[in-house]
Amino acid sequence: MYSKCAGAGGFLLSQLEVEAFNRGYTKVLLSTRRVNNQAVRFYLRNSFNEIEPFGRYVGVEKSICFGKQLFT
């Protein structure tokens, strides 16, 4: 399990995914603003998929939610 993106962001994301997996999580969920094209592209490049809004993001049009299954 590692980030496909070079740089500090990719490194930090991969470390967070490893830590989540080590703590027993099987997936990660997140939300960002749709207008943040750089973030949206970053998560898509790193195997996140757009998912239905969850929690406080339900009905919030300016948000986009992503999820990713964690594997070894």
C-alpha atoms as a PDB file:
ATOM      1  CA  MET A   1       0.000   0.000   0.000  1.00  0.00           C
ATOM      2  CA  TYR A   2       1.609   3.232  -1.124  1.00  0.00           C
ATOM      3  CA  SER A   3       0.744   6.505  -2.764  1.00  0.00           C
ATOM      4  CA  LYS A   4       1.189   6.799  -6.521  1.00  0.00           C
ATOM      5  CA  CYS A   5       2.118  10.465  -6.185  1.00  0.00           C
ATOM      6  CA  ALA A   6       5.610  11.659  -5.490  1.00  0.00           C
ATOM      7  CA  GLY A   7       6.212  14.484  -3.085  1.00  0.00           C
ATOM      8  CA  ALA A   8       5.243  15.350   0.441  1.00  0.00           C
ATOM      9  CA  GLY A   9       1.489  14.968  -0.127  1.00  0.00           C
ATOM     10  CA  GLY A  10       1.853  11.472  -1.540  1.00  0.00           C
ATOM     11  CA  PHE A  11       4.189  10.474   1.270  1.00  0.00           C
ATOM     12  CA  LEU A  12       1.854  11.800   3.962  1.00  0.00           C
ATOM     13  CA  LEU A  13      -1.154  10.113   2.384  1.00  0.00           C
ATOM     14  CA  SER A  14       0.633   6.763   2.209  1.00  0.00           C
ATOM     15  CA  GLN A  15       1.705   7.053   5.864  1.00  0.00           C
ATOM     16  CA  LEU A  16      -1.850   7.862   6.946  1.00  0.00           C
ATOM     17  CA  GLU A  17      -3.168   4.867   5.011  1.00  0.00           C
ATOM     18  CA  VAL A  18      -0.587   2.560   6.619  1.00  0.00           C
ATOM     19  CA  GLU A  19      -1.444   3.878  10.094  1.00  0.00           C
ATOM     20  CA  ALA A  20      -5.178   3.452   9.482  1.00  0.00           C
ATOM     21  CA  PHE A  21      -4.633  -0.111   8.247  1.00  0.00           C
ATOM     22  CA  ASN A  22      -2.406  -0.930  11.232  1.00  0.00           C
ATOM     23  CA  ARG A  23      -5.177   0.288  13.544  1.00  0.00           C
ATOM     24  CA  GLY A  24      -7.658  -2.094  11.936  1.00  0.00           C
ATOM     25  CA  TYR A  25      -9.449   0.152   9.471  1.00  0.00           C
ATOM     26  CA  THR A  26     -10.412  -1.401   6.151  1.00  0.00           C
ATOM     27  CA  LYS A  27     -11.393   1.788   4.343  1.00  0.00           C
ATOM     28  CA  VAL A  28     -10.909   5.523   4.518  1.00  0.00           C
ATOM     29  CA  LEU A  29     -13.420   8.246   3.716  1.00  0.00           C
ATOM     30  CA  LEU A  30     -12.898  11.945   3.098  1.00  0.00           C
ATOM     31  CA  SER A  31     -14.517  15.049   1.731  1.00  0.00           C
ATOM     32  CA  THR A  32     -13.098  18.056  -0.073  1.00  0.00           C
ATOM     33  CA  ARG A  33     -14.551  20.985  -1.956  1.00  0.00           C
ATOM     34  CA  ARG A  34     -15.465  20.346  -5.601  1.00  0.00           C
ATOM     35  CA  VAL A  35     -13.747  23.569  -6.672  1.00  0.00           C
ATOM     36  CA  ASN A  36     -10.440  22.285  -5.260  1.00  0.00           C
ATOM     37  CA  ASN A  37      -9.479  20.626  -8.545  1.00  0.00           C
ATOM     38  CA  GLN A  38      -5.936  19.903  -7.391  1.00  0.00           C
ATOM     39  CA  ALA A  39      -7.188  17.912  -4.378  1.00  0.00           C
ATOM     40  CA  VAL A  40      -9.814  16.085  -6.433  1.00  0.00           C
ATOM     41  CA  ARG A  41      -7.184  15.028  -9.000  1.00  0.00           C
ATOM     42  CA  PHE A  42      -4.777  14.035  -6.216  1.00  0.00           C
ATOM     43  CA  TYR A  43      -7.273  11.674  -4.581  1.00  0.00           C
ATOM     44  CA  LEU A  44      -8.347  10.172  -7.911  1.00  0.00           C
ATOM     45  CA  ARG A  45      -4.693   9.514  -8.819  1.00  0.00           C
ATOM     46  CA  ASN A  46      -4.294   7.757  -5.494  1.00  0.00           C
ATOM     47  CA  SER A  47      -7.060   5.203  -6.045  1.00  0.00           C
ATOM     48  CA  PHE A  48      -9.875   7.021  -4.250  1.00  0.00           C
ATOM     49  CA  ASN A  49     -13.343   6.717  -5.768  1.00  0.00           C
ATOM     50  CA  GLU A  50     -16.173   9.191  -5.554  1.00  0.00           C
ATOM     51  CA  ILE A  51     -18.800   7.934  -3.117  1.00  0.00           C
ATOM     52  CA  GLU A  52     -22.217   9.053  -1.926  1.00  0.00           C
ATOM     53  CA  PRO A  53     -22.069  11.918   0.557  1.00  0.00           C
ATOM     54  CA  PHE A  54     -21.941  10.820   4.188  1.00  0.00           C
ATOM     55  CA  GLY A  55     -22.593  12.448   7.542  1.00  0.00           C
ATOM     56  CA  ARG A  56     -22.649  16.220   7.503  1.00  0.00           C
ATOM     57  CA  TYR A  57     -21.823  16.267   3.770  1.00  0.00           C
ATOM     58  CA  VAL A  58     -25.217  14.890   2.721  1.00  0.00           C
ATOM     59  CA  GLY A  59     -26.924  17.579   0.660  1.00  0.00           C
ATOM     60  CA  VAL A  60     -23.853  19.825   0.527  1.00  0.00           C
ATOM     61  CA  GLU A  61     -23.406  20.462  -3.201  1.00  0.00           C
ATOM     62  CA  LYS A  62     -19.999  22.129  -2.835  1.00  0.00           C
ATOM     63  CA  SER A  63     -18.512  18.967  -1.279  1.00  0.00           C
ATOM     64  CA  ILE A  64     -17.325  15.814  -2.985  1.00  0.00           C
ATOM     65  CA  CYS A  65     -16.761  12.645  -0.976  1.00  0.00           C
ATOM     66  CA  PHE A  66     -14.210   9.926  -1.665  1.00  0.00           C
ATOM     67  CA  GLY A  67     -13.526   6.481  -0.285  1.00  0.00           C
ATOM     68  CA  LYS A  68     -10.747   3.917  -0.589  1.00  0.00           C
ATOM     69  CA  GLN A  69     -10.434   0.293   0.490  1.00  0.00           C
ATOM     70  CA  LEU A  70      -7.189  -0.403   2.329  1.00  0.00           C
ATOM     71  CA  PHE A  71      -5.204  -3.507   1.396  1.00  0.00           C
ATOM     72  CA  THR A  72      -1.786  -4.848   2.308  1.00  0.00           C
END
